[in-house]
Protein backbone atom coordinates (compact mmCIF):
# COMPACT_ATOMS: atom_id res chain seq x y z
CA MET A 1 59.87 -51.83 -16.52
CA LYS A 2 56.89 -52.73 -14.34
CA CYS A 3 58.27 -50.77 -11.39
CA ALA A 4 58.93 -47.71 -13.57
CA ALA A 5 55.25 -47.60 -14.64
CA LEU A 6 53.89 -47.37 -11.09
CA PRO A 7 54.53 -43.63 -10.46
CA SER A 8 52.73 -42.71 -13.70
CA LEU A 9 49.76 -44.86 -12.74
CA ARG A 10 49.57 -43.22 -9.33
CA LEU A 11 49.76 -39.79 -10.97
CA VAL A 12 46.86 -40.65 -13.27
CA ARG A 13 44.81 -41.86 -10.32
CA VAL A 14 45.52 -38.67 -8.38
CA SER A 15 44.62 -36.53 -11.40
CA VAL A 16 41.34 -38.38 -11.94
CA SER A 17 40.46 -38.02 -8.26
CA ALA A 18 41.15 -34.28 -8.39
CA VAL A 19 38.90 -33.89 -11.43
CA VAL A 20 36.12 -35.86 -9.75
CA LEU A 21 36.37 -33.72 -6.62
CA LEU A 22 36.34 -30.54 -8.72
CA VAL A 23 33.22 -31.66 -10.61
CA LEU A 24 31.47 -32.66 -7.39
CA GLY A 25 32.38 -29.29 -5.88
CA LEU A 26 30.95 -27.42 -8.85
CA VAL A 27 27.77 -29.48 -8.73
CA LEU A 28 27.42 -28.78 -5.00
CA VAL A 29 27.90 -25.04 -5.53
CA ALA A 30 25.25 -25.07 -8.26
CA VAL A 31 22.79 -27.00 -6.08
CA LEU A 32 23.33 -24.70 -3.11
CA GLY A 33 22.93 -21.68 -5.39
CA ARG A 34 19.60 -22.98 -6.68
CA GLN A 35 18.43 -23.73 -3.14
CA LYS A 36 19.33 -20.22 -2.02
CA GLU A 37 17.57 -18.71 -5.02
CA THR A 38 14.46 -20.80 -4.32
CA ALA A 39 14.45 -19.76 -0.65
CA THR A 40 14.81 -16.12 -1.65
CA ARG A 41 11.90 -16.33 -4.08
CA VAL A 42 9.70 -18.05 -1.49
CA ALA A 43 10.50 -15.33 1.06
CA ASP A 44 9.76 -12.65 -1.54
CA ALA A 45 6.37 -14.19 -2.28
CA ARG A 46 5.58 -14.36 1.44
CA ASN A 47 6.39 -10.67 1.80
CA LEU A 48 3.90 -9.78 -0.89
CA GLN A 49 1.31 -12.15 0.57
CA GLN A 50 1.54 -10.17 3.82
CA TRP A 51 0.91 -6.96 1.90
CA GLY A 52 -2.02 -8.69 0.21
CA ILE A 53 -3.56 -9.51 3.60
CA ALA A 54 -3.13 -5.89 4.66
CA LEU A 55 -4.73 -4.69 1.42
CA ASN A 56 -7.81 -6.88 1.89
CA LEU A 57 -8.27 -5.74 5.50
CA CYS A 58 -7.85 -2.12 4.39
CA LEU A 59 -10.53 -2.53 1.71
CA ILE A 60 -12.96 -4.04 4.23
CA GLU A 61 -12.56 -1.13 6.63
CA ASN A 62 -12.55 1.63 4.02
CA ASP A 63 -15.59 0.94 1.87
CA ASN A 64 -13.50 -0.84 -0.81
CA GLN A 65 -11.31 2.23 -1.26
CA LEU A 66 -7.76 1.45 -2.37
CA PRO A 67 -4.98 3.31 -0.55
CA GLU A 68 -3.21 6.19 -2.25
CA VAL A 69 0.13 5.85 -4.02
CA GLY A 70 1.84 8.52 -1.95
CA ARG A 71 4.92 10.52 -2.89
CA THR A 72 8.37 11.46 -1.71
CA PRO A 73 9.46 12.75 0.66
CA VAL A 74 7.70 10.30 2.95
CA THR A 75 5.79 12.14 5.68
CA PRO A 76 3.33 11.18 8.46
CA ALA A 77 0.78 13.52 6.86
CA GLN A 78 0.29 11.00 4.06
CA THR A 79 -1.99 8.83 6.16
CA GLN A 80 -3.76 7.26 3.17
CA ALA A 81 -0.58 6.37 1.26
CA TRP A 82 -0.09 2.61 1.05
CA PHE A 83 3.23 2.73 2.93
CA ASN A 84 1.58 4.43 5.91
CA ALA A 85 -1.93 2.94 5.77
CA LEU A 86 -1.28 -0.78 5.17
CA PRO A 87 1.35 -1.57 7.85
CA LEU A 88 -1.19 -0.92 10.60
CA TYR A 89 -3.13 -4.01 9.48
CA LEU A 90 0.01 -6.10 10.03
CA SER A 91 0.75 -4.63 13.48
CA GLU A 92 3.64 -2.69 11.96
CA LYS A 93 4.51 0.99 12.19
CA PRO A 94 3.68 3.24 9.24
CA LEU A 95 6.84 3.83 7.24
CA ALA A 96 6.90 7.54 8.13
CA GLU A 97 6.90 6.71 11.86
CA ILE A 98 9.93 4.41 11.80
CA PRO A 99 12.79 6.32 13.48
CA PRO A 100 16.17 6.86 11.80
CA GLY A 101 18.46 3.91 12.36
CA ASP A 102 15.54 1.46 12.35
CA ARG A 103 14.34 2.28 8.85
CA PRO A 104 14.46 -0.42 6.18
CA ARG A 105 17.68 -0.61 4.20
CA PRO A 106 19.05 -2.75 1.36
CA GLY A 107 20.37 -6.14 2.38
CA VAL A 108 18.36 -6.29 5.60
CA PRO A 109 15.27 -8.46 4.91
CA SER A 110 12.00 -7.05 6.23
CA LEU A 111 8.44 -6.48 5.17
CA TRP A 112 9.71 -3.51 3.18
CA VAL A 113 12.77 -5.00 1.53
CA ARG A 114 12.86 -7.78 -1.02
CA PRO A 115 14.94 -10.76 0.13
CA GLY A 116 18.13 -10.95 -1.89
CA THR A 117 18.52 -7.19 -2.16
CA LYS A 118 22.24 -6.43 -2.06
CA PRO A 119 23.52 -4.63 1.05
CA VAL A 120 25.42 -1.36 0.87
CA LYS A 121 28.52 -0.43 2.89
CA ILE A 122 27.58 3.19 3.46
CA TRP A 123 23.96 4.06 4.23
CA ASP A 124 22.19 7.22 5.36
CA PRO A 125 19.93 6.24 8.32
CA GLU A 126 17.57 9.10 7.42
CA VAL A 127 16.69 7.55 4.06
CA PHE A 128 13.39 5.75 3.52
CA PHE A 129 13.94 2.59 1.47
CA PHE A 130 11.15 0.29 0.32
CA SER A 131 11.65 -2.04 -2.60
CA TYR A 132 8.00 -2.25 -3.64
CA GLY A 133 5.88 0.27 -5.52
CA MET A 134 2.12 0.66 -5.91
CA ASN A 135 0.58 0.76 -9.37
CA ARG A 136 0.42 4.51 -10.12
CA SER A 137 -2.53 3.99 -12.45
CA LEU A 138 -4.70 3.10 -9.46
CA GLN A 139 -4.58 6.79 -8.57
CA PRO A 140 -4.07 8.42 -11.98
CA VAL A 141 -4.17 12.01 -10.68
CA GLU A 142 -2.30 12.97 -7.50
CA GLY A 143 -4.59 14.71 -5.04
CA THR A 144 -7.71 12.93 -6.25
CA ARG A 145 -9.02 9.69 -4.79
CA SER A 146 -7.74 6.31 -5.86
CA PHE A 147 -10.05 3.72 -7.41
CA ARG A 148 -12.40 1.61 -5.36
CA ILE A 149 -11.89 -2.10 -5.85
CA THR A 150 -15.51 -2.32 -7.08
CA GLU A 151 -14.63 0.05 -9.93
CA ILE A 152 -12.07 -2.40 -11.30
CA SER A 153 -13.53 -4.92 -13.71
CA PHE A 154 -10.99 -7.69 -13.11
CA PRO A 155 -9.01 -7.11 -9.89
CA GLY A 156 -7.20 -10.40 -10.39
CA SER A 157 -5.51 -9.06 -13.51
CA VAL A 158 -4.63 -5.59 -12.18
CA ILE A 159 -1.28 -5.16 -10.46
CA PHE A 160 -1.30 -3.55 -7.03
CA LEU A 161 2.29 -3.85 -5.76
CA ALA A 162 5.45 -4.69 -7.72
CA PRO A 163 9.18 -4.90 -6.94
CA THR A 164 11.07 -1.67 -7.67
CA ASP A 165 14.49 -0.09 -7.12
CA GLY A 166 13.54 1.05 -3.62
CA TYR A 167 13.13 4.80 -3.81
CA SER A 168 9.68 5.55 -5.23
CA PRO A 169 6.30 4.62 -3.71
CA GLY A 170 4.72 4.31 -7.15
CA ALA A 171 5.43 1.99 -10.06
CA GLY A 172 4.72 1.64 -13.75
CA PRO A 173 5.69 -1.18 -16.11
CA GLY A 174 9.11 0.38 -16.72
CA ASP A 175 9.91 0.48 -12.99
CA VAL A 176 9.48 -3.22 -12.20
CA VAL A 177 12.73 -4.95 -11.22
CA PHE A 178 13.25 -8.43 -12.63
CA PRO A 179 15.96 -10.95 -11.75
CA LYS A 180 18.53 -11.65 -14.47
CA ILE A 181 16.80 -14.94 -15.19
CA GLY A 182 13.20 -15.74 -14.38
CA THR A 183 10.14 -13.91 -13.18
CA ALA A 184 9.21 -11.30 -10.59
CA HIS A 185 6.62 -11.93 -7.88
CA ILE A 186 3.81 -9.38 -8.10
CA LEU A 187 0.77 -8.67 -5.90
CA PHE A 188 -2.56 -8.17 -7.66
CA CYS A 189 -5.57 -6.17 -6.49
CA ASP A 190 -7.52 -9.27 -5.46
CA GLY A 191 -4.74 -10.14 -3.00
CA HIS A 192 -3.10 -13.02 -4.88
CA VAL A 193 0.61 -13.18 -5.66
CA GLN A 194 2.06 -14.75 -8.78
CA PRO A 195 5.37 -14.86 -10.69
CA VAL A 196 5.20 -12.67 -13.79
CA PRO A 197 7.66 -12.63 -16.72
CA ARG A 198 8.75 -9.30 -18.19
CA ALA A 199 6.95 -10.12 -21.45
CA LYS A 200 3.60 -9.99 -19.64
CA LEU A 201 3.91 -6.28 -18.84
CA LEU A 202 2.86 -3.61 -21.28
CA ASP A 203 5.66 -1.61 -22.82
CA PRO A 204 5.71 1.83 -21.12
CA ALA A 205 5.20 3.46 -24.52
CA ALA A 206 1.97 1.50 -24.97
CA LEU A 207 0.59 2.40 -21.55
CA SER A 208 -1.10 5.57 -22.79
CA ALA A 209 -3.31 3.50 -25.10
CA ALA A 210 -4.31 1.22 -22.21
CA ALA A 211 -4.96 4.25 -20.01
CA ALA A 212 -7.50 5.52 -22.51
CA GLU A 213 -9.55 2.38 -21.86
CA LYS A 214 -9.38 2.14 -18.08
CA GLY A 215 -6.09 3.49 -16.82
CA ILE A 216 -5.28 0.78 -14.33
CA SER A 217 -3.96 -2.40 -15.92
CA TRP A 218 -0.54 -2.90 -17.48
CA PHE A 219 -0.50 -6.65 -17.08
CA GLN A 220 -1.32 -8.70 -20.17
CA GLN A 221 -3.23 -11.93 -19.59
């Protein structure tokens, strides 16, 4: 009877070991996933911090004048658009001067592309991709000048650059891309970067009311 019980005992031990290994594996996957997510968010914040440095240098050299939002198609003639004006302060080429084949694309981290952006199998090298957009309300009317930083009452509460889907140089509250869980890093007009939850942005339908007051802020303190 004692000998007959041994195989069952060994089977139980093997089963318990398999469960333990499975649990440890799942825990390891979860930990690695969190580490990767943290690294991605840190890299995203650093990207925006670089744009913040460029913005401050641009303001110093241009009598506190904010760059223009710009429009598509991207052209070299748009010298004052943020995507052409700001890179020069980071020793980078203006977006319009980057040749086909070297242009930013999804899944290839760069100053232009948010870390963690999913790559695509088929990509047109002629396309301009940039996964950040400038607050359109900083230049309410295309063809007229953008605001000066001195005309903004609280630059630290006014969004300058936010993550977008990658195809428009301008952004409003409805264009901001958020991760499934958590917050999005956003650059403000005073040059600081902070994580912002979706609930802190004005609903696009309410933006017209805010625009009647000042026309530049869709971030709620």
